[in-house]
Amino acid sequence: MNIMEKIVEIVEITHTGKTTIWQVVDQANKERRAYLKGSTFYYDMPKFEAGLLKADSFTRTPA
């Protein structure tokens, strides 16, 4: 994580029996992104938020 980035939220998503942890990052020079924890894989927030609608369940926790 870059010094100009800050984790603002942790999202735990369960879908089809699998659970993943995502970190929502506020970037100084870009829009917020959701990164799969421990990975460089990310979604921009509009796409991530749309994906939450398909999840079986999710929890959002401020970082």
PDB file of N, CA and C in Angstrom:
ATOM      1  N   MET A   1       0.839  -1.174   0.000  1.00  0.00           N
ATOM      2  CA  MET A   1       0.000   0.000   0.000  1.00  0.00           C
ATOM      3  C   MET A   1       0.886   1.239   0.000  1.00  0.00           C
ATOM      4  N   ASN A   2       0.543   2.181  -0.812  1.00  0.00           N
ATOM      5  CA  ASN A   2       1.256   3.430  -0.961  1.00  0.00           C
ATOM      6  C   ASN A   2       0.976   4.341   0.233  1.00  0.00           C
ATOM      7  N   ILE A   3       1.892   5.239   0.522  1.00  0.00           N
ATOM      8  CA  ILE A   3       1.707   6.160   1.652  1.00  0.00           C
ATOM      9  C   ILE A   3       0.515   7.103   1.426  1.00  0.00           C
ATOM     10  N   MET A   4       0.116   7.287   0.188  1.00  0.00           N
ATOM     11  CA  MET A   4      -0.998   8.174  -0.138  1.00  0.00           C
ATOM     12  C   MET A   4      -2.339   7.439  -0.128  1.00  0.00           C
ATOM     13  N   GLU A   5      -2.347   6.206   0.344  1.00  0.00           N
ATOM     14  CA  GLU A   5      -3.564   5.397   0.399  1.00  0.00           C
ATOM     15  C   GLU A   5      -3.943   5.136   1.848  1.00  0.00           C
ATOM     16  N   LYS A   6      -5.236   5.056   2.091  1.00  0.00           N
ATOM     17  CA  LYS A   6      -5.712   4.790   3.442  1.00  0.00           C
ATOM     18  C   LYS A   6      -6.866   3.797   3.371  1.00  0.00           C
ATOM     19  N   ILE A   7      -6.790   2.722   4.158  1.00  0.00           N
ATOM     20  CA  ILE A   7      -7.895   1.762   4.230  1.00  0.00           C
ATOM     21  C   ILE A   7      -9.002   2.400   5.056  1.00  0.00           C
ATOM     22  N   VAL A   8     -10.179   2.514   4.459  1.00  0.00           N
ATOM     23  CA  VAL A   8     -11.292   3.172   5.147  1.00  0.00           C
ATOM     24  C   VAL A   8     -12.386   2.202   5.578  1.00  0.00           C
ATOM     25  N   GLU A   9     -12.383   0.995   5.001  1.00  0.00           N
ATOM     26  CA  GLU A   9     -13.450   0.043   5.305  1.00  0.00           C
ATOM     27  C   GLU A   9     -12.999  -1.367   4.968  1.00  0.00           C
ATOM     28  N   ILE A  10     -13.469  -2.336   5.745  1.00  0.00           N
ATOM     29  CA  ILE A  10     -13.241  -3.757   5.477  1.00  0.00           C
ATOM     30  C   ILE A  10     -14.607  -4.364   5.167  1.00  0.00           C
ATOM     31  N   VAL A  11     -14.694  -5.093   4.064  1.00  0.00           N
ATOM     32  CA  VAL A  11     -15.956  -5.713   3.659  1.00  0.00           C
ATOM     33  C   VAL A  11     -15.744  -7.219   3.553  1.00  0.00           C
ATOM     34  N   GLU A  12     -16.559  -7.972   4.281  1.00  0.00           N
ATOM     35  CA  GLU A  12     -16.517  -9.436   4.228  1.00  0.00           C
ATOM     36  C   GLU A  12     -17.740  -9.891   3.446  1.00  0.00           C
ATOM     37  N   ILE A  13     -17.489 -10.598   2.345  1.00  0.00           N
ATOM     38  CA  ILE A  13     -18.564 -11.016   1.449  1.00  0.00           C
ATOM     39  C   ILE A  13     -18.650 -12.534   1.421  1.00  0.00           C
ATOM     40  N   THR A  14     -19.874 -13.047   1.546  1.00  0.00           N
ATOM     41  CA  THR A  14     -20.120 -14.483   1.396  1.00  0.00           C
ATOM     42  C   THR A  14     -21.038 -14.673   0.198  1.00  0.00           C
ATOM     43  N   HIS A  15     -20.607 -15.542  -0.715  1.00  0.00           N
ATOM     44  CA  HIS A  15     -21.407 -15.840  -1.910  1.00  0.00           C
ATOM     45  C   HIS A  15     -21.115 -17.276  -2.328  1.00  0.00           C
ATOM     46  N   THR A  16     -22.140 -18.029  -2.544  1.00  0.00           N
ATOM     47  CA  THR A  16     -22.066 -19.448  -2.930  1.00  0.00           C
ATOM     48  C   THR A  16     -21.121 -20.231  -2.014  1.00  0.00           C
ATOM     49  N   GLY A  17     -21.196 -19.952  -0.721  1.00  0.00           N
ATOM     50  CA  GLY A  17     -20.419 -20.700   0.253  1.00  0.00           C
ATOM     51  C   GLY A  17     -18.975 -20.265   0.413  1.00  0.00           C
ATOM     52  N   LYS A  18     -18.535 -19.264  -0.337  1.00  0.00           N
ATOM     53  CA  LYS A  18     -17.156 -18.775  -0.237  1.00  0.00           C
ATOM     54  C   LYS A  18     -17.162 -17.384   0.386  1.00  0.00           C
ATOM     55  N   THR A  19     -16.190 -17.149   1.259  1.00  0.00           N
ATOM     56  CA  THR A  19     -16.076 -15.846   1.910  1.00  0.00           C
ATOM     57  C   THR A  19     -14.780 -15.179   1.478  1.00  0.00           C
ATOM     58  N   THR A  20     -14.869 -13.908   1.115  1.00  0.00           N
ATOM     59  CA  THR A  20     -13.688 -13.127   0.753  1.00  0.00           C
ATOM     60  C   THR A  20     -13.680 -11.842   1.575  1.00  0.00           C
ATOM     61  N   ILE A  21     -12.491 -11.339   1.806  1.00  0.00           N
ATOM     62  CA  ILE A  21     -12.293 -10.098   2.548  1.00  0.00           C
ATOM     63  C   ILE A  21     -11.759  -9.046   1.574  1.00  0.00           C
ATOM     64  N   TRP A  22     -12.392  -7.889   1.566  1.00  0.00           N
ATOM     65  CA  TRP A  22     -11.995  -6.783   0.704  1.00  0.00           C
ATOM     66  C   TRP A  22     -11.647  -5.578   1.558  1.00  0.00           C
ATOM     67  N   GLN A  23     -10.668  -4.808   1.121  1.00  0.00           N
ATOM     68  CA  GLN A  23     -10.283  -3.572   1.787  1.00  0.00           C
ATOM     69  C   GLN A  23     -10.609  -2.402   0.862  1.00  0.00           C
ATOM     70  N   VAL A  24     -11.459  -1.506   1.338  1.00  0.00           N
ATOM     71  CA  VAL A  24     -11.791  -0.317   0.570  1.00  0.00           C
ATOM     72  C   VAL A  24     -10.722   0.728   0.878  1.00  0.00           C
ATOM     73  N   VAL A  25     -10.059   1.200  -0.173  1.00  0.00           N
ATOM     74  CA  VAL A  25      -8.923   2.097  -0.033  1.00  0.00           C
ATOM     75  C   VAL A  25      -9.249   3.450  -0.649  1.00  0.00           C
ATOM     76  N   ASP A  26      -8.981   4.509   0.112  1.00  0.00           N
ATOM     77  CA  ASP A  26      -9.131   5.877  -0.375  1.00  0.00           C
ATOM     78  C   ASP A  26      -7.767   6.307  -0.879  1.00  0.00           C
ATOM     79  N   GLN A  27      -7.693   6.617  -2.165  1.00  0.00           N
ATOM     80  CA  GLN A  27      -6.427   6.995  -2.771  1.00  0.00           C
ATOM     81  C   GLN A  27      -6.414   8.496  -3.042  1.00  0.00           C
ATOM     82  N   ALA A  28      -5.309   9.131  -2.743  1.00  0.00           N
ATOM     83  CA  ALA A  28      -5.210  10.582  -2.859  1.00  0.00           C
ATOM     84  C   ALA A  28      -5.447  11.086  -4.287  1.00  0.00           C
ATOM     85  N   ASN A  29      -4.961  10.369  -5.264  1.00  0.00           N
ATOM     86  CA  ASN A  29      -5.047  10.863  -6.639  1.00  0.00           C
ATOM     87  C   ASN A  29      -6.055  10.105  -7.496  1.00  0.00           C
ATOM     88  N   LYS A  30      -6.824   9.186  -6.890  1.00  0.00           N
ATOM     89  CA  LYS A  30      -7.780   8.386  -7.651  1.00  0.00           C
ATOM     90  C   LYS A  30      -9.048   8.188  -6.839  1.00  0.00           C
ATOM     91  N   GLU A  31     -10.042   7.592  -7.459  1.00  0.00           N
ATOM     92  CA  GLU A  31     -11.276   7.254  -6.753  1.00  0.00           C
ATOM     93  C   GLU A  31     -11.008   6.103  -5.784  1.00  0.00           C
ATOM     94  N   ARG A  32     -11.968   5.857  -4.907  1.00  0.00           N
ATOM     95  CA  ARG A  32     -11.851   4.704  -4.002  1.00  0.00           C
ATOM     96  C   ARG A  32     -11.878   3.411  -4.799  1.00  0.00           C
ATOM     97  N   ARG A  33     -11.148   2.433  -4.280  1.00  0.00           N
ATOM     98  CA  ARG A  33     -11.116   1.106  -4.887  1.00  0.00           C
ATOM     99  C   ARG A  33     -11.265   0.070  -3.786  1.00  0.00           C
ATOM    100  N   ALA A  34     -11.780  -1.099  -4.151  1.00  0.00           N
ATOM    101  CA  ALA A  34     -11.885  -2.223  -3.231  1.00  0.00           C
ATOM    102  C   ALA A  34     -10.872  -3.272  -3.683  1.00  0.00           C
ATOM    103  N   TYR A  35      -9.920  -3.566  -2.805  1.00  0.00           N
ATOM    104  CA  TYR A  35      -8.872  -4.549  -3.100  1.00  0.00           C
ATOM    105  C   TYR A  35      -9.164  -5.849  -2.368  1.00  0.00           C
ATOM    106  N   LEU A  36      -9.008  -6.970  -3.073  1.00  0.00           N
ATOM    107  CA  LEU A  36      -9.078  -8.273  -2.439  1.00  0.00           C
ATOM    108  C   LEU A  36      -7.897  -8.337  -1.474  1.00  0.00           C
ATOM    109  N   LYS A  37      -8.168  -8.639  -0.207  1.00  0.00           N
ATOM    110  CA  LYS A  37      -7.119  -8.610   0.817  1.00  0.00           C
ATOM    111  C   LYS A  37      -5.968  -9.534   0.431  1.00  0.00           C
ATOM    112  N   GLY A  38      -4.753  -9.004   0.514  1.00  0.00           N
ATOM    113  CA  GLY A  38      -3.560  -9.779   0.197  1.00  0.00           C
ATOM    114  C   GLY A  38      -3.267  -9.882  -1.283  1.00  0.00           C
ATOM    115  N   SER A  39      -3.931  -9.054  -2.088  1.00  0.00           N
ATOM    116  CA  SER A  39      -3.796  -9.139  -3.531  1.00  0.00           C
ATOM    117  C   SER A  39      -3.725  -7.741  -4.136  1.00  0.00           C
ATOM    118  N   THR A  40      -3.330  -7.672  -5.389  1.00  0.00           N
ATOM    119  CA  THR A  40      -3.378  -6.406  -6.119  1.00  0.00           C
ATOM    120  C   THR A  40      -4.638  -6.320  -6.970  1.00  0.00           C
ATOM    121  N   PHE A  41      -5.501  -7.351  -6.898  1.00  0.00           N
ATOM    122  CA  PHE A  41      -6.755  -7.376  -7.647  1.00  0.00           C
ATOM    123  C   PHE A  41      -7.730  -6.386  -7.022  1.00  0.00           C
ATOM    124  N   TYR A  42      -8.349  -5.557  -7.834  1.00  0.00           N
ATOM    125  CA  TYR A  42      -9.270  -4.557  -7.307  1.00  0.00           C
ATOM    126  C   TYR A  42     -10.454  -4.310  -8.241  1.00  0.00           C
ATOM    127  N   TYR A  43     -11.482  -3.706  -7.692  1.00  0.00           N
ATOM    128  CA  TYR A  43     -12.606  -3.172  -8.455  1.00  0.00           C
ATOM    129  C   TYR A  43     -12.754  -1.705  -8.092  1.00  0.00           C
ATOM    130  N   ASP A  44     -13.105  -0.887  -9.069  1.00  0.00           N
ATOM    131  CA  ASP A  44     -13.499   0.478  -8.761  1.00  0.00           C
ATOM    132  C   ASP A  44     -14.823   0.402  -8.010  1.00  0.00           C
ATOM    133  N   MET A  45     -15.094   1.373  -7.161  1.00  0.00           N
ATOM    134  CA  MET A  45     -16.236   1.296  -6.260  1.00  0.00           C
ATOM    135  C   MET A  45     -17.599   1.115  -6.937  1.00  0.00           C
ATOM    136  N   PRO A  46     -17.914   1.775  -8.040  1.00  0.00           N
ATOM    137  CA  PRO A  46     -19.235   1.539  -8.635  1.00  0.00           C
ATOM    138  C   PRO A  46     -19.469   0.067  -9.003  1.00  0.00           C
ATOM    139  N   LYS A  47     -18.461  -0.563  -9.563  1.00  0.00           N
ATOM    140  CA  LYS A  47     -18.582  -1.981  -9.934  1.00  0.00           C
ATOM    141  C   LYS A  47     -18.640  -2.858  -8.684  1.00  0.00           C
ATOM    142  N   PHE A  48     -17.838  -2.534  -7.669  1.00  0.00           N
ATOM    143  CA  PHE A  48     -17.825  -3.294  -6.420  1.00  0.00           C
ATOM    144  C   PHE A  48     -19.185  -3.210  -5.734  1.00  0.00           C
ATOM    145  N   GLU A  49     -19.741  -2.001  -5.638  1.00  0.00           N
ATOM    146  CA  GLU A  49     -21.048  -1.803  -5.001  1.00  0.00           C
ATOM    147  C   GLU A  49     -22.134  -2.597  -5.739  1.00  0.00           C
ATOM    148  N   ALA A  50     -22.080  -2.622  -7.051  1.00  0.00           N
ATOM    149  CA  ALA A  50     -23.053  -3.393  -7.838  1.00  0.00           C
ATOM    150  C   ALA A  50     -22.914  -4.884  -7.542  1.00  0.00           C
ATOM    151  N   GLY A  51     -21.693  -5.347  -7.361  1.00  0.00           N
ATOM    152  CA  GLY A  51     -21.456  -6.755  -7.051  1.00  0.00           C
ATOM    153  C   GLY A  51     -21.986  -7.158  -5.690  1.00  0.00           C
ATOM    154  N   LEU A  52     -22.020  -6.216  -4.741  1.00  0.00           N
ATOM    155  CA  LEU A  52     -22.549  -6.520  -3.410  1.00  0.00           C
ATOM    156  C   LEU A  52     -24.016  -6.928  -3.475  1.00  0.00           C
ATOM    157  N   LEU A  53     -24.738  -6.415  -4.447  1.00  0.00           N
ATOM    158  CA  LEU A  53     -26.154  -6.759  -4.587  1.00  0.00           C
ATOM    159  C   LEU A  53     -26.353  -8.235  -4.916  1.00  0.00           C
ATOM    160  N   LYS A  54     -25.351  -8.866  -5.505  1.00  0.00           N
ATOM    161  CA  LYS A  54     -25.434 -10.277  -5.878  1.00  0.00           C
ATOM    162  C   LYS A  54     -24.986 -11.219  -4.762  1.00  0.00           C
ATOM    163  N   ALA A  55     -24.342 -10.678  -3.730  1.00  0.00           N
ATOM    164  CA  ALA A  55     -23.794 -11.504  -2.646  1.00  0.00           C
ATOM    165  C   ALA A  55     -24.908 -12.104  -1.798  1.00  0.00           C
ATOM    166  N   ASP A  56     -24.647 -13.290  -1.238  1.00  0.00           N
ATOM    167  CA  ASP A  56     -25.598 -13.895  -0.302  1.00  0.00           C
ATOM    168  C   ASP A  56     -25.674 -13.058   0.976  1.00  0.00           C
ATOM    169  N   SER A  57     -24.513 -12.584   1.441  1.00  0.00           N
ATOM    170  CA  SER A  57     -24.472 -11.705   2.615  1.00  0.00           C
ATOM    171  C   SER A  57     -23.140 -10.962   2.616  1.00  0.00           C
ATOM    172  N   PHE A  58     -23.121  -9.831   3.305  1.00  0.00           N
ATOM    173  CA  PHE A  58     -21.888  -9.082   3.481  1.00  0.00           C
ATOM    174  C   PHE A  58     -21.972  -8.221   4.732  1.00  0.00           C
ATOM    175  N   THR A  59     -20.794  -7.929   5.284  1.00  0.00           N
ATOM    176  CA  THR A  59     -20.716  -7.020   6.425  1.00  0.00           C
ATOM    177  C   THR A  59     -19.664  -5.968   6.108  1.00  0.00           C
ATOM    178  N   ARG A  60     -19.961  -4.745   6.529  1.00  0.00           N
ATOM    179  CA  ARG A  60     -19.048  -3.620   6.316  1.00  0.00           C
ATOM    180  C   ARG A  60     -18.603  -3.111   7.673  1.00  0.00           C
ATOM    181  N   THR A  61     -17.296  -2.954   7.827  1.00  0.00           N
ATOM    182  CA  THR A  61     -16.729  -2.496   9.087  1.00  0.00           C
ATOM    183  C   THR A  61     -15.771  -1.342   8.815  1.00  0.00           C
ATOM    184  N   PRO A  62     -15.947  -0.202   9.483  1.00  0.00           N
ATOM    185  CA  PRO A  62     -14.977   0.888   9.305  1.00  0.00           C
ATOM    186  C   PRO A  62     -13.587   0.431   9.769  1.00  0.00           C
ATOM    187  N   ALA A  63     -12.583   0.877   9.060  1.00  0.00           N
ATOM    188  CA  ALA A  63     -11.201   0.483   9.414  1.00  0.00           C
ATOM    189  C   ALA A  63     -10.658   1.341  10.539  1.00  0.00           C
TER     190      ALA A  63
END
